[in-house]
Amino acid sequence: MGQKINPLGFRLGTTQTHHSFWFAQSKKFSVCLQEDEKIRNCIKNNIQKNRRISSGLGGIARIAIQKRIDLIQVIIYIGSPNLLIEGRTRGIEELKINVQKELNSLNRRLNIIITRLKNPYRQPNILAEYIALQLKNRVSFRKATKKAIELTKQTDTKGIQIQIAGRIDGKEIARVEWIREGRVPLQTICAKIDYCSYTIRTIYGVLGIKIWIFIDKG
C-alpha cells in the first residue's frame, strides 16, 4: 500500500501532538502560521551559521512554539549542548534578538528555552542530518545508512526505515533506495512512529532523505 499521508499527521490525537500550541481566529490563522515558519527558519539559519560542523551528534530535533497574548515561548530540542558557539547564555540572547527582528513585534515578549535530548540518535531529524553530512563528504550511501542504523540500535527503538531518492553516488539516472531494520508498522495508528523528510543539496543535485523510526506501541 502506498504512503500517501504524513505519518505524524496520521497519528495526531493518538500518539502524536502538534509542535505549535496557539489559538487564532480564521482571519488571522494564515498570518500566525507564517509567523511560525519565520521563527523556525530564523532559528535554523542562525544556528547553522554559528555551528561547528562535526561528524558527531548535533542538530535540531524539533522546535515547539507556544503562543499567548503577550508571550511567545519557543522550545528548541537539540542533540548537542555545544550547538551554540558563543556560550549558552550569550548564544540564546543573540538568537532571541535575531528572532525578534524577524517577527517585528514589540507587543509580545519572546522566551527561548534550549532543551538537550538524552537520546539524540532516536530523533529522525538528527539522523537525517548525520546521513546528509556523510553524503556531502562523498561517503557511500549504503555505508552512511548502515552506520545510522547502528547508532539507532543503541537507543530503545523497535525499528527504522531509511529512504534516499535522487542521483545517489552521482549516478546518471535518479533512483530510490531504502533499507529497513526491525518492524515499522506504518498502517497501525496506535504505533508511535517518528518521521522526517530532509533535503540535501550535493554537487550531483538534490537528494531527498526520509526516515521512519518505530519507537513504541501506545
N, C-alpha and C. Protein backbone atom coordinates (compact mmCIF):
# COMPACT_ATOMS: atom_id res chain seq x y z
N MET A 1 0.86 -1.20 0.00
CA MET A 1 0.00 0.00 0.00
C MET A 1 0.89 1.25 0.00
N GLY A 2 0.55 2.23 -0.82
CA GLY A 2 1.35 3.45 -0.91
C GLY A 2 1.21 4.34 0.31
N GLN A 3 2.27 5.07 0.60
CA GLN A 3 2.24 6.00 1.73
C GLN A 3 1.87 7.39 1.21
N LYS A 4 0.61 7.74 1.30
CA LYS A 4 0.14 9.00 0.73
C LYS A 4 -0.27 10.00 1.80
N ILE A 5 0.16 9.80 3.03
CA ILE A 5 -0.18 10.72 4.11
C ILE A 5 1.02 10.80 5.06
N ASN A 6 1.22 11.97 5.65
CA ASN A 6 2.31 12.15 6.59
C ASN A 6 2.07 11.30 7.83
N PRO A 7 3.04 10.47 8.24
CA PRO A 7 2.83 9.60 9.41
C PRO A 7 2.54 10.36 10.69
N LEU A 8 3.05 11.59 10.82
CA LEU A 8 2.79 12.38 12.03
C LEU A 8 1.36 12.89 12.04
N GLY A 9 0.90 13.43 10.90
CA GLY A 9 -0.48 13.92 10.81
C GLY A 9 -1.49 12.79 10.92
N PHE A 10 -1.11 11.60 10.45
CA PHE A 10 -1.97 10.42 10.51
C PHE A 10 -2.27 10.02 11.95
N ARG A 11 -1.33 10.35 12.88
CA ARG A 11 -1.44 9.91 14.27
C ARG A 11 -1.73 11.04 15.25
N LEU A 12 -2.10 12.21 14.75
CA LEU A 12 -2.42 13.33 15.63
C LEU A 12 -3.62 12.98 16.51
N GLY A 13 -3.47 13.23 17.80
CA GLY A 13 -4.55 12.93 18.73
C GLY A 13 -4.45 11.56 19.35
N THR A 14 -3.57 10.70 18.82
CA THR A 14 -3.38 9.36 19.40
C THR A 14 -2.00 9.26 20.05
N THR A 15 -0.97 9.19 19.22
CA THR A 15 0.40 9.10 19.76
C THR A 15 1.22 10.35 19.46
N GLN A 16 0.69 11.27 18.63
CA GLN A 16 1.42 12.48 18.26
C GLN A 16 0.66 13.73 18.70
N THR A 17 1.41 14.78 18.98
CA THR A 17 0.81 16.08 19.31
C THR A 17 1.39 17.14 18.37
N HIS A 18 0.73 18.30 18.33
CA HIS A 18 1.21 19.39 17.49
C HIS A 18 2.49 20.00 18.07
N HIS A 19 3.33 20.52 17.18
CA HIS A 19 4.54 21.23 17.61
C HIS A 19 4.28 22.71 17.83
N SER A 20 3.08 23.17 17.48
CA SER A 20 2.68 24.56 17.73
C SER A 20 1.40 24.55 18.56
N PHE A 21 1.38 25.36 19.63
CA PHE A 21 0.23 25.43 20.53
C PHE A 21 -0.24 26.88 20.60
N TRP A 22 -1.30 27.21 19.88
CA TRP A 22 -1.89 28.54 19.94
C TRP A 22 -3.28 28.50 19.31
N PHE A 23 -4.03 29.56 19.57
CA PHE A 23 -5.39 29.68 19.01
C PHE A 23 -5.49 31.02 18.29
N ALA A 24 -6.13 31.02 17.12
CA ALA A 24 -6.31 32.26 16.35
C ALA A 24 -7.63 32.20 15.60
N GLN A 25 -8.21 33.37 15.36
CA GLN A 25 -9.42 33.45 14.55
C GLN A 25 -9.08 33.13 13.10
N SER A 26 -10.09 32.77 12.34
CA SER A 26 -9.86 32.32 10.96
C SER A 26 -9.18 33.38 10.10
N LYS A 27 -9.45 34.68 10.38
CA LYS A 27 -8.85 35.74 9.59
C LYS A 27 -7.34 35.86 9.84
N LYS A 28 -6.91 35.53 11.06
CA LYS A 28 -5.50 35.70 11.43
C LYS A 28 -4.72 34.38 11.40
N PHE A 29 -5.41 33.30 11.02
CA PHE A 29 -4.76 31.99 11.09
C PHE A 29 -3.56 31.90 10.15
N SER A 30 -3.70 32.37 8.92
CA SER A 30 -2.60 32.29 7.94
C SER A 30 -1.41 33.13 8.39
N VAL A 31 -1.69 34.29 9.00
CA VAL A 31 -0.60 35.17 9.48
C VAL A 31 0.18 34.47 10.59
N CYS A 32 -0.54 33.83 11.52
CA CYS A 32 0.11 33.12 12.63
C CYS A 32 0.92 31.92 12.13
N LEU A 33 0.39 31.27 11.09
CA LEU A 33 1.09 30.12 10.51
C LEU A 33 2.40 30.57 9.86
N GLN A 34 2.35 31.68 9.13
CA GLN A 34 3.56 32.23 8.50
C GLN A 34 4.56 32.69 9.56
N GLU A 35 4.04 33.18 10.68
CA GLU A 35 4.90 33.62 11.78
C GLU A 35 5.68 32.43 12.36
N ASP A 36 5.01 31.29 12.51
CA ASP A 36 5.68 30.08 12.98
C ASP A 36 6.80 29.66 12.03
N GLU A 37 6.52 29.75 10.73
CA GLU A 37 7.52 29.37 9.73
C GLU A 37 8.73 30.31 9.78
N LYS A 38 8.48 31.60 10.00
CA LYS A 38 9.56 32.58 10.11
C LYS A 38 10.44 32.28 11.33
N ILE A 39 9.79 31.95 12.45
CA ILE A 39 10.54 31.65 13.69
C ILE A 39 11.44 30.44 13.48
N ARG A 40 10.89 29.37 12.91
CA ARG A 40 11.66 28.14 12.72
C ARG A 40 12.81 28.36 11.72
N ASN A 41 12.53 29.05 10.62
CA ASN A 41 13.58 29.29 9.62
C ASN A 41 14.69 30.17 10.18
N CYS A 42 14.32 31.19 10.95
CA CYS A 42 15.30 32.11 11.54
C CYS A 42 16.21 31.36 12.52
N ILE A 43 15.63 30.51 13.35
CA ILE A 43 16.41 29.75 14.33
C ILE A 43 17.36 28.78 13.63
N LYS A 44 16.84 28.06 12.64
CA LYS A 44 17.68 27.09 11.91
C LYS A 44 18.82 27.78 11.18
N ASN A 45 18.54 28.92 10.54
CA ASN A 45 19.58 29.64 9.79
C ASN A 45 20.65 30.20 10.72
N ASN A 46 20.23 30.76 11.86
CA ASN A 46 21.19 31.33 12.80
C ASN A 46 22.07 30.26 13.44
N ILE A 47 21.46 29.15 13.84
CA ILE A 47 22.24 28.08 14.46
C ILE A 47 23.17 27.42 13.44
N GLN A 48 22.68 27.24 12.22
CA GLN A 48 23.51 26.64 11.18
C GLN A 48 24.71 27.53 10.86
N LYS A 49 24.52 28.85 10.92
CA LYS A 49 25.59 29.80 10.62
C LYS A 49 26.69 29.74 11.70
N ASN A 50 26.28 29.55 12.96
CA ASN A 50 27.23 29.57 14.07
C ASN A 50 27.67 28.19 14.53
N ARG A 51 27.33 27.20 13.75
CA ARG A 51 27.55 25.82 14.20
C ARG A 51 28.91 25.30 13.77
N ARG A 52 29.55 24.57 14.65
CA ARG A 52 30.78 23.87 14.31
C ARG A 52 30.42 22.53 13.70
N ILE A 53 30.75 22.39 12.44
CA ILE A 53 30.39 21.15 11.75
C ILE A 53 31.27 20.00 12.26
N SER A 54 30.64 18.93 12.65
CA SER A 54 31.36 17.73 13.10
C SER A 54 30.60 16.51 12.64
N SER A 55 31.28 15.38 12.64
CA SER A 55 30.63 14.13 12.21
C SER A 55 29.87 13.48 13.36
N GLY A 56 29.92 14.08 14.54
CA GLY A 56 29.23 13.53 15.70
C GLY A 56 27.80 13.99 15.76
N LEU A 57 27.20 13.82 16.94
CA LEU A 57 25.81 14.18 17.10
C LEU A 57 25.63 15.68 17.18
N GLY A 58 24.46 16.15 16.91
CA GLY A 58 24.18 17.58 16.94
C GLY A 58 22.91 17.85 16.18
N GLY A 59 22.60 19.11 15.97
CA GLY A 59 21.44 19.46 15.19
C GLY A 59 20.20 19.67 16.02
N ILE A 60 19.16 20.15 15.33
CA ILE A 60 17.89 20.44 15.97
C ILE A 60 16.94 19.28 15.72
N ALA A 61 16.39 18.72 16.76
CA ALA A 61 15.43 17.63 16.61
C ALA A 61 14.05 18.19 16.24
N ARG A 62 13.59 19.20 17.00
CA ARG A 62 12.32 19.86 16.68
C ARG A 62 12.24 21.19 17.43
N ILE A 63 11.31 22.04 16.98
CA ILE A 63 11.10 23.34 17.60
C ILE A 63 9.62 23.45 17.95
N ALA A 64 9.34 23.57 19.24
CA ALA A 64 7.95 23.73 19.71
C ALA A 64 7.68 25.20 19.99
N ILE A 65 6.51 25.68 19.55
CA ILE A 65 6.15 27.08 19.73
C ILE A 65 4.83 27.17 20.50
N GLN A 66 4.84 27.94 21.58
CA GLN A 66 3.64 28.17 22.39
C GLN A 66 3.37 29.67 22.42
N LYS A 67 2.17 30.07 22.00
CA LYS A 67 1.83 31.50 21.90
C LYS A 67 0.73 31.87 22.88
N ARG A 68 0.94 33.03 23.52
CA ARG A 68 -0.11 33.64 24.34
C ARG A 68 -0.32 35.06 23.83
N ILE A 69 -1.17 35.81 24.51
CA ILE A 69 -1.46 37.17 24.06
C ILE A 69 -0.22 38.06 24.13
N ASP A 70 0.56 37.91 25.20
CA ASP A 70 1.72 38.79 25.42
C ASP A 70 3.05 38.04 25.42
N LEU A 71 3.05 36.76 25.05
CA LEU A 71 4.27 35.96 25.14
C LEU A 71 4.33 34.93 24.03
N ILE A 72 5.53 34.79 23.45
CA ILE A 72 5.83 33.71 22.52
C ILE A 72 6.96 32.88 23.14
N GLN A 73 6.67 31.64 23.45
CA GLN A 73 7.69 30.77 24.05
C GLN A 73 8.12 29.73 23.03
N VAL A 74 9.43 29.68 22.79
CA VAL A 74 10.00 28.75 21.81
C VAL A 74 10.90 27.76 22.55
N ILE A 75 10.64 26.47 22.37
CA ILE A 75 11.45 25.42 22.98
C ILE A 75 12.20 24.69 21.88
N ILE A 76 13.54 24.76 21.93
CA ILE A 76 14.39 24.13 20.92
C ILE A 76 14.98 22.85 21.51
N TYR A 77 14.67 21.72 20.90
CA TYR A 77 15.20 20.43 21.34
C TYR A 77 16.43 20.10 20.49
N ILE A 78 17.60 20.01 21.13
CA ILE A 78 18.85 19.80 20.41
C ILE A 78 19.52 18.52 20.88
N GLY A 79 20.47 18.04 20.06
CA GLY A 79 21.19 16.83 20.42
C GLY A 79 22.51 17.09 21.09
N SER A 80 23.09 18.28 20.86
CA SER A 80 24.40 18.60 21.42
C SER A 80 24.34 19.88 22.22
N PRO A 81 24.99 19.94 23.40
CA PRO A 81 24.99 21.18 24.19
C PRO A 81 25.88 22.26 23.58
N ASN A 82 26.77 21.88 22.65
CA ASN A 82 27.70 22.83 22.04
C ASN A 82 27.19 23.39 20.73
N LEU A 83 25.87 23.34 20.53
CA LEU A 83 25.31 23.81 19.27
C LEU A 83 25.45 25.31 19.11
N LEU A 84 25.39 26.04 20.22
CA LEU A 84 25.57 27.50 20.19
C LEU A 84 27.01 27.79 20.60
N ILE A 85 27.77 28.35 19.70
CA ILE A 85 29.21 28.51 19.91
C ILE A 85 29.54 29.53 20.98
N GLU A 86 28.86 30.65 21.00
CA GLU A 86 29.26 31.78 21.83
C GLU A 86 28.97 31.58 23.33
N GLY A 87 28.69 30.39 23.72
CA GLY A 87 28.34 30.17 25.13
C GLY A 87 26.83 30.10 25.26
N ARG A 88 26.35 29.37 26.23
CA ARG A 88 24.91 29.08 26.33
C ARG A 88 24.08 30.35 26.49
N THR A 89 24.41 31.20 27.47
CA THR A 89 23.59 32.39 27.74
C THR A 89 23.70 33.41 26.62
N ARG A 90 24.94 33.72 26.23
CA ARG A 90 25.15 34.72 25.19
C ARG A 90 24.56 34.29 23.86
N GLY A 91 24.69 32.98 23.54
CA GLY A 91 24.14 32.47 22.29
C GLY A 91 22.63 32.57 22.24
N ILE A 92 21.96 32.28 23.35
CA ILE A 92 20.50 32.37 23.40
C ILE A 92 20.04 33.82 23.26
N GLU A 93 20.74 34.74 23.92
CA GLU A 93 20.37 36.16 23.84
C GLU A 93 20.52 36.68 22.40
N GLU A 94 21.60 36.29 21.74
CA GLU A 94 21.81 36.72 20.36
C GLU A 94 20.73 36.14 19.44
N LEU A 95 20.40 34.88 19.68
CA LEU A 95 19.34 34.22 18.89
C LEU A 95 18.00 34.90 19.12
N LYS A 96 17.73 35.27 20.37
CA LYS A 96 16.47 35.94 20.71
C LYS A 96 16.34 37.29 19.98
N ILE A 97 17.44 38.04 19.90
CA ILE A 97 17.43 39.34 19.22
C ILE A 97 17.15 39.16 17.73
N ASN A 98 17.78 38.16 17.12
CA ASN A 98 17.58 37.91 15.68
C ASN A 98 16.15 37.49 15.36
N VAL A 99 15.58 36.65 16.22
CA VAL A 99 14.19 36.21 16.00
C VAL A 99 13.22 37.37 16.21
N GLN A 100 13.49 38.22 17.22
CA GLN A 100 12.63 39.37 17.50
C GLN A 100 12.63 40.35 16.32
N LYS A 101 13.79 40.52 15.67
CA LYS A 101 13.87 41.38 14.49
C LYS A 101 13.05 40.81 13.34
N GLU A 102 13.11 39.49 13.20
CA GLU A 102 12.37 38.84 12.12
C GLU A 102 10.87 38.96 12.32
N LEU A 103 10.42 38.86 13.58
CA LEU A 103 8.99 38.96 13.88
C LEU A 103 8.49 40.39 13.77
N ASN A 104 9.34 41.35 14.14
CA ASN A 104 8.97 42.77 14.10
C ASN A 104 7.72 43.04 14.93
N SER A 105 7.68 42.44 16.14
CA SER A 105 6.54 42.60 17.04
C SER A 105 7.03 43.08 18.40
N LEU A 106 6.58 44.24 18.81
CA LEU A 106 7.01 44.82 20.09
C LEU A 106 6.00 44.55 21.21
N ASN A 107 4.81 44.06 20.86
CA ASN A 107 3.76 43.87 21.86
C ASN A 107 3.92 42.57 22.65
N ARG A 108 4.69 41.63 22.12
CA ARG A 108 4.83 40.33 22.78
C ARG A 108 6.29 40.04 23.13
N ARG A 109 6.48 39.48 24.32
CA ARG A 109 7.81 39.07 24.74
C ARG A 109 8.17 37.73 24.10
N LEU A 110 9.45 37.53 23.91
CA LEU A 110 9.93 36.28 23.32
C LEU A 110 10.81 35.56 24.33
N ASN A 111 10.51 34.30 24.57
CA ASN A 111 11.28 33.48 25.51
C ASN A 111 11.76 32.23 24.78
N ILE A 112 13.08 32.00 24.79
CA ILE A 112 13.67 30.83 24.12
C ILE A 112 14.29 29.91 25.16
N ILE A 113 13.91 28.64 25.10
CA ILE A 113 14.41 27.62 26.02
C ILE A 113 15.14 26.55 25.20
N ILE A 114 16.35 26.20 25.62
CA ILE A 114 17.12 25.15 24.96
C ILE A 114 17.03 23.88 25.81
N THR A 115 16.57 22.79 25.20
CA THR A 115 16.46 21.51 25.90
C THR A 115 17.32 20.46 25.20
N ARG A 116 18.21 19.84 25.96
CA ARG A 116 19.06 18.80 25.37
C ARG A 116 18.38 17.45 25.49
N LEU A 117 18.40 16.68 24.41
CA LEU A 117 17.79 15.36 24.39
C LEU A 117 18.76 14.31 24.91
N LYS A 118 18.21 13.34 25.63
CA LYS A 118 19.05 12.30 26.23
C LYS A 118 19.52 11.32 25.17
N ASN A 119 18.64 10.96 24.22
CA ASN A 119 18.98 10.02 23.14
C ASN A 119 18.85 10.72 21.79
N PRO A 120 19.88 11.46 21.35
CA PRO A 120 19.75 12.24 20.11
C PRO A 120 19.55 11.39 18.86
N TYR A 121 20.16 10.20 18.83
CA TYR A 121 20.05 9.36 17.64
C TYR A 121 18.73 8.60 17.58
N ARG A 122 17.83 8.92 18.50
CA ARG A 122 16.46 8.41 18.43
C ARG A 122 15.59 9.36 17.61
N GLN A 123 16.13 10.53 17.28
CA GLN A 123 15.38 11.56 16.56
C GLN A 123 15.68 11.49 15.07
N PRO A 124 14.66 11.37 14.20
CA PRO A 124 14.91 11.23 12.77
C PRO A 124 15.58 12.45 12.13
N ASN A 125 15.30 13.66 12.63
CA ASN A 125 15.93 14.85 12.06
C ASN A 125 17.44 14.85 12.26
N ILE A 126 17.89 14.45 13.46
CA ILE A 126 19.31 14.40 13.74
C ILE A 126 19.98 13.29 12.92
N LEU A 127 19.30 12.16 12.77
CA LEU A 127 19.84 11.08 11.94
C LEU A 127 19.94 11.51 10.48
N ALA A 128 18.93 12.25 9.99
CA ALA A 128 18.94 12.73 8.61
C ALA A 128 20.10 13.70 8.39
N GLU A 129 20.36 14.57 9.37
CA GLU A 129 21.49 15.49 9.27
C GLU A 129 22.81 14.73 9.24
N TYR A 130 22.90 13.67 10.03
CA TYR A 130 24.11 12.86 10.05
C TYR A 130 24.35 12.20 8.68
N ILE A 131 23.29 11.63 8.10
CA ILE A 131 23.41 10.98 6.79
C ILE A 131 23.76 12.02 5.72
N ALA A 132 23.12 13.20 5.79
CA ALA A 132 23.39 14.26 4.82
C ALA A 132 24.86 14.69 4.87
N LEU A 133 25.41 14.81 6.08
CA LEU A 133 26.81 15.20 6.22
C LEU A 133 27.74 14.14 5.64
N GLN A 134 27.40 12.86 5.83
CA GLN A 134 28.21 11.78 5.26
C GLN A 134 28.16 11.79 3.73
N LEU A 135 26.98 12.02 3.17
CA LEU A 135 26.84 12.04 1.71
C LEU A 135 27.58 13.23 1.10
N LYS A 136 27.57 14.37 1.81
CA LYS A 136 28.33 15.53 1.32
C LYS A 136 29.83 15.26 1.31
N ASN A 137 30.28 14.41 2.23
CA ASN A 137 31.70 14.06 2.30
C ASN A 137 32.04 12.87 1.40
N ARG A 138 31.17 12.57 0.43
CA ARG A 138 31.37 11.52 -0.57
C ARG A 138 31.43 10.11 0.01
N VAL A 139 30.79 9.91 1.16
CA VAL A 139 30.70 8.56 1.74
C VAL A 139 29.59 7.81 1.01
N SER A 140 29.77 6.52 0.77
CA SER A 140 28.76 5.70 0.10
C SER A 140 27.45 5.72 0.90
N PHE A 141 26.32 5.79 0.19
CA PHE A 141 25.04 5.88 0.89
C PHE A 141 24.75 4.63 1.70
N ARG A 142 25.21 3.46 1.24
CA ARG A 142 24.99 2.22 1.99
C ARG A 142 25.75 2.25 3.31
N LYS A 143 26.97 2.73 3.26
CA LYS A 143 27.78 2.83 4.48
C LYS A 143 27.17 3.83 5.45
N ALA A 144 26.68 4.97 4.92
CA ALA A 144 26.09 6.01 5.77
C ALA A 144 24.80 5.52 6.43
N THR A 145 23.94 4.83 5.67
CA THR A 145 22.67 4.35 6.23
C THR A 145 22.89 3.23 7.25
N LYS A 146 23.85 2.34 6.97
CA LYS A 146 24.12 1.25 7.92
C LYS A 146 24.67 1.79 9.23
N LYS A 147 25.54 2.82 9.14
CA LYS A 147 26.08 3.43 10.35
C LYS A 147 24.97 4.12 11.14
N ALA A 148 24.03 4.78 10.43
CA ALA A 148 22.90 5.43 11.10
C ALA A 148 22.03 4.41 11.82
N ILE A 149 21.83 3.25 11.21
CA ILE A 149 21.03 2.19 11.83
C ILE A 149 21.73 1.65 13.08
N GLU A 150 23.05 1.52 13.01
CA GLU A 150 23.81 1.07 14.17
C GLU A 150 23.68 2.05 15.34
N LEU A 151 23.70 3.34 15.03
CA LEU A 151 23.55 4.35 16.07
C LEU A 151 22.15 4.31 16.69
N THR A 152 21.15 4.03 15.86
CA THR A 152 19.77 3.94 16.35
C THR A 152 19.57 2.71 17.22
N LYS A 153 20.26 1.63 16.90
CA LYS A 153 20.14 0.40 17.69
C LYS A 153 20.58 0.60 19.14
N GLN A 154 21.48 1.57 19.36
CA GLN A 154 21.96 1.83 20.72
C GLN A 154 20.86 2.44 21.60
N THR A 155 19.84 3.00 20.98
CA THR A 155 18.70 3.55 21.72
C THR A 155 17.59 2.51 21.77
N ASP A 156 16.56 2.81 22.53
CA ASP A 156 15.46 1.85 22.73
C ASP A 156 14.40 2.04 21.65
N THR A 157 14.69 1.55 20.44
CA THR A 157 13.75 1.65 19.33
C THR A 157 13.40 0.25 18.82
N LYS A 158 12.22 0.14 18.20
CA LYS A 158 11.74 -1.15 17.71
C LYS A 158 12.12 -1.40 16.25
N GLY A 159 12.31 -0.32 15.48
CA GLY A 159 12.63 -0.48 14.06
C GLY A 159 12.88 0.86 13.40
N ILE A 160 13.53 0.82 12.23
CA ILE A 160 13.84 2.04 11.49
C ILE A 160 13.81 1.75 9.99
N GLN A 161 13.34 2.71 9.23
CA GLN A 161 13.36 2.62 7.77
C GLN A 161 13.91 3.92 7.21
N ILE A 162 14.90 3.80 6.30
CA ILE A 162 15.55 4.97 5.69
C ILE A 162 15.38 4.88 4.18
N GLN A 163 14.98 5.99 3.57
CA GLN A 163 14.81 6.04 2.11
C GLN A 163 15.56 7.25 1.56
N ILE A 164 16.33 7.03 0.51
CA ILE A 164 17.08 8.10 -0.16
C ILE A 164 16.70 8.09 -1.63
N ALA A 165 16.38 9.27 -2.17
CA ALA A 165 15.97 9.38 -3.56
C ALA A 165 16.78 10.47 -4.26
N GLY A 166 17.12 10.23 -5.52
CA GLY A 166 17.87 11.21 -6.31
C GLY A 166 19.03 10.56 -7.02
N ARG A 167 19.99 11.37 -7.46
CA ARG A 167 21.19 10.85 -8.12
C ARG A 167 22.19 10.37 -7.06
N ILE A 168 21.91 9.20 -6.53
CA ILE A 168 22.71 8.65 -5.44
C ILE A 168 24.09 8.27 -5.95
N ASP A 169 25.13 8.67 -5.19
CA ASP A 169 26.53 8.41 -5.53
C ASP A 169 26.90 8.98 -6.90
N GLY A 170 26.16 9.98 -7.36
CA GLY A 170 26.49 10.66 -8.61
C GLY A 170 26.13 9.89 -9.87
N LYS A 171 25.26 8.89 -9.76
CA LYS A 171 24.85 8.12 -10.94
C LYS A 171 24.03 8.99 -11.89
N GLU A 172 24.04 8.61 -13.18
CA GLU A 172 23.36 9.40 -14.20
C GLU A 172 21.84 9.39 -14.02
N ILE A 173 21.31 8.23 -13.65
CA ILE A 173 19.85 8.08 -13.52
C ILE A 173 19.47 8.13 -12.05
N ALA A 174 18.47 8.96 -11.73
CA ALA A 174 17.98 9.06 -10.36
C ALA A 174 17.21 7.79 -9.99
N ARG A 175 17.32 7.40 -8.74
CA ARG A 175 16.62 6.20 -8.29
C ARG A 175 16.28 6.34 -6.80
N VAL A 176 15.51 5.38 -6.30
CA VAL A 176 15.13 5.37 -4.88
C VAL A 176 15.71 4.11 -4.24
N GLU A 177 16.42 4.31 -3.14
CA GLU A 177 16.98 3.20 -2.37
C GLU A 177 16.46 3.28 -0.94
N TRP A 178 16.15 2.12 -0.36
CA TRP A 178 15.69 2.13 1.03
C TRP A 178 16.19 0.89 1.75
N ILE A 179 16.27 1.03 3.06
CA ILE A 179 16.73 -0.05 3.93
C ILE A 179 15.90 -0.02 5.20
N ARG A 180 15.56 -1.21 5.70
CA ARG A 180 14.73 -1.30 6.91
C ARG A 180 15.35 -2.29 7.89
N GLU A 181 15.26 -1.96 9.15
CA GLU A 181 15.75 -2.84 10.21
C GLU A 181 14.67 -2.90 11.30
N GLY A 182 14.21 -4.10 11.64
CA GLY A 182 13.16 -4.24 12.64
C GLY A 182 11.78 -4.01 12.05
N ARG A 183 10.81 -3.71 12.90
CA ARG A 183 9.41 -3.50 12.48
C ARG A 183 9.11 -2.02 12.34
N VAL A 184 8.39 -1.67 11.26
CA VAL A 184 7.92 -0.28 11.06
C VAL A 184 6.48 -0.36 10.58
N PRO A 185 5.50 -0.53 11.50
CA PRO A 185 4.08 -0.68 11.10
C PRO A 185 3.44 0.67 10.77
N LEU A 186 3.52 1.09 9.52
CA LEU A 186 3.04 2.42 9.13
C LEU A 186 1.52 2.53 9.13
N GLN A 187 0.81 1.41 9.01
CA GLN A 187 -0.65 1.47 8.96
C GLN A 187 -1.31 1.31 10.33
N THR A 188 -0.52 1.12 11.38
CA THR A 188 -1.05 0.98 12.73
C THR A 188 -1.06 2.35 13.41
N ILE A 189 -2.26 2.88 13.69
CA ILE A 189 -2.38 4.23 14.23
C ILE A 189 -1.81 4.32 15.64
N CYS A 190 -1.98 3.28 16.44
CA CYS A 190 -1.50 3.32 17.83
C CYS A 190 0.00 3.14 17.95
N ALA A 191 0.68 2.84 16.84
CA ALA A 191 2.14 2.71 16.87
C ALA A 191 2.77 4.09 16.87
N LYS A 192 3.65 4.35 17.82
CA LYS A 192 4.33 5.65 17.91
C LYS A 192 5.50 5.66 16.94
N ILE A 193 5.33 6.39 15.84
CA ILE A 193 6.34 6.47 14.80
C ILE A 193 6.77 7.92 14.61
N ASP A 194 8.08 8.13 14.64
CA ASP A 194 8.64 9.46 14.36
C ASP A 194 9.08 9.48 12.91
N TYR A 195 8.92 10.64 12.26
CA TYR A 195 9.18 10.72 10.82
C TYR A 195 9.77 12.08 10.47
N CYS A 196 10.64 12.10 9.47
CA CYS A 196 11.13 13.37 8.96
C CYS A 196 11.45 13.24 7.48
N SER A 197 11.33 14.35 6.78
CA SER A 197 11.72 14.45 5.38
C SER A 197 12.77 15.55 5.28
N TYR A 198 13.93 15.21 4.75
CA TYR A 198 15.09 16.11 4.76
C TYR A 198 15.65 16.24 3.35
N THR A 199 15.98 17.46 2.94
CA THR A 199 16.53 17.73 1.62
C THR A 199 17.99 18.11 1.73
N ILE A 200 18.83 17.51 0.90
CA ILE A 200 20.25 17.81 0.90
C ILE A 200 20.69 18.18 -0.52
N ARG A 201 21.47 19.25 -0.64
CA ARG A 201 21.98 19.70 -1.93
C ARG A 201 23.44 19.24 -2.08
N THR A 202 23.69 18.44 -3.09
CA THR A 202 25.05 17.96 -3.37
C THR A 202 25.49 18.49 -4.73
N ILE A 203 26.76 18.20 -5.09
CA ILE A 203 27.27 18.65 -6.39
C ILE A 203 26.60 17.91 -7.54
N TYR A 204 25.96 16.77 -7.24
CA TYR A 204 25.26 16.00 -8.28
C TYR A 204 23.80 16.41 -8.42
N GLY A 205 23.28 17.14 -7.46
CA GLY A 205 21.87 17.53 -7.48
C GLY A 205 21.25 17.39 -6.09
N VAL A 206 19.94 17.44 -6.05
CA VAL A 206 19.22 17.39 -4.77
C VAL A 206 18.86 15.95 -4.43
N LEU A 207 19.12 15.57 -3.19
CA LEU A 207 18.73 14.25 -2.70
C LEU A 207 17.68 14.42 -1.60
N GLY A 208 16.72 13.52 -1.57
CA GLY A 208 15.69 13.53 -0.54
C GLY A 208 15.88 12.37 0.42
N ILE A 209 15.89 12.66 1.71
CA ILE A 209 16.06 11.63 2.73
C ILE A 209 14.78 11.55 3.57
N LYS A 210 14.22 10.36 3.70
CA LYS A 210 13.06 10.14 4.56
C LYS A 210 13.41 9.07 5.59
N ILE A 211 13.04 9.34 6.83
CA ILE A 211 13.34 8.39 7.91
C ILE A 211 12.08 8.14 8.75
N TRP A 212 11.78 6.86 8.96
CA TRP A 212 10.70 6.46 9.86
C TRP A 212 11.34 5.68 11.02
N ILE A 213 11.01 6.03 12.26
CA ILE A 213 11.52 5.32 13.43
C ILE A 213 10.34 4.85 14.26
N PHE A 214 10.25 3.54 14.46
CA PHE A 214 9.20 2.95 15.30
C PHE A 214 9.71 2.91 16.72
N ILE A 215 9.15 3.79 17.56
CA ILE A 215 9.63 3.94 18.94
C ILE A 215 8.97 2.93 19.86
N ASP A 216 7.64 2.91 19.85
CA ASP A 216 6.94 2.03 20.78
C ASP A 216 5.50 1.92 20.33
N LYS A 217 4.79 0.95 20.86
CA LYS A 217 3.36 0.79 20.58
C LYS A 217 2.57 1.33 21.74
N GLY A 218 1.72 2.36 21.46
CA GLY A 218 0.97 3.01 22.51
C GLY A 218 -0.20 2.21 23.02
